[in-house]
Amino acid sequence: MKTAEQVKTEFRQKGITITGWARSNGFTRLAVHRVLNGEAKCYRGKAHRIAVLLGLKNGDIVEV
């Protein structure tokens, strides 16, 4: 697992913007910022999916 700071650093090193990552993964920029800034609990739904895809938490993404 990574920390939010590690994800942000990785994005900077690779030249990826949060907005670009969000768009390419079907999320809003605001939703990704909320996850990276610790404003979302990431227990379920969109925030959970974002956290798992970013490597911030272990978990499965289940389509219902």
Protein backbone atom coordinates (compact mmCIF):
# COMPACT_ATOMS: atom_id res chain seq x y z
CA MET A 1 0.00 0.00 0.00
CA LYS A 2 1.03 3.58 -0.62
CA THR A 3 0.41 6.81 1.22
CA ALA A 4 -1.37 9.71 -0.43
CA GLU A 5 1.93 11.60 -0.51
CA GLN A 6 3.60 8.69 -2.30
CA VAL A 7 0.84 8.67 -4.91
CA LYS A 8 1.18 12.44 -5.42
CA THR A 9 4.97 12.12 -5.74
CA GLU A 10 4.58 9.27 -8.22
CA PHE A 11 2.18 11.36 -10.30
CA ARG A 12 4.66 14.28 -10.33
CA GLN A 13 7.55 11.99 -11.33
CA LYS A 14 5.52 10.50 -14.18
CA GLY A 15 4.02 13.82 -15.30
CA ILE A 16 0.48 12.68 -14.54
CA THR A 17 -2.08 15.18 -13.33
CA ILE A 18 -4.76 14.22 -10.86
CA THR A 19 -7.33 15.55 -13.32
CA GLY A 20 -5.89 13.42 -16.12
CA TRP A 21 -5.81 10.28 -13.98
CA ALA A 22 -9.37 10.94 -12.83
CA ARG A 23 -10.66 11.37 -16.39
CA SER A 24 -8.89 8.30 -17.72
CA ASN A 25 -10.37 6.20 -14.90
CA GLY A 26 -13.90 7.61 -15.09
CA PHE A 27 -13.85 9.72 -11.91
CA THR A 28 -14.19 13.40 -11.21
CA ARG A 29 -11.18 15.45 -10.17
CA LEU A 30 -12.97 16.41 -6.97
CA ALA A 31 -13.58 12.78 -5.98
CA VAL A 32 -9.90 11.90 -6.43
CA HIS A 33 -8.79 15.00 -4.51
CA ARG A 34 -11.13 14.07 -1.64
CA VAL A 35 -9.54 10.61 -1.42
CA LEU A 36 -5.97 11.91 -1.64
CA ASN A 37 -6.62 14.64 0.94
CA GLY A 38 -8.24 12.25 3.43
CA GLU A 39 -11.68 13.85 3.17
CA ALA A 40 -13.37 10.60 2.07
CA LYS A 41 -13.54 7.52 4.28
CA CYS A 42 -13.17 5.12 1.31
CA TYR A 43 -15.29 2.38 2.87
CA ARG A 44 -17.51 1.80 -0.16
CA GLY A 45 -18.58 3.13 -3.51
CA LYS A 46 -16.62 5.51 -5.67
CA ALA A 47 -14.13 6.55 -2.98
CA HIS A 48 -13.32 2.90 -2.22
CA ARG A 49 -12.71 2.21 -5.92
CA ILE A 50 -10.42 5.23 -6.22
CA ALA A 51 -8.41 4.26 -3.13
CA VAL A 52 -7.93 0.69 -4.36
CA LEU A 53 -6.92 1.79 -7.88
CA LEU A 54 -4.43 4.30 -6.47
CA GLY A 55 -2.97 1.65 -4.17
CA LEU A 56 -3.96 3.48 -1.00
CA LYS A 57 -5.77 0.47 0.41
CA ASN A 58 -6.08 -3.23 -0.17
CA GLY A 59 -9.43 -4.39 -1.38
CA ASP A 60 -11.49 -5.71 -4.20
CA ILE A 61 -13.52 -3.76 -6.68
CA VAL A 62 -16.83 -5.53 -7.15
CA GLU A 63 -19.30 -4.40 -9.79
CA VAL A 64 -22.86 -4.75 -8.53
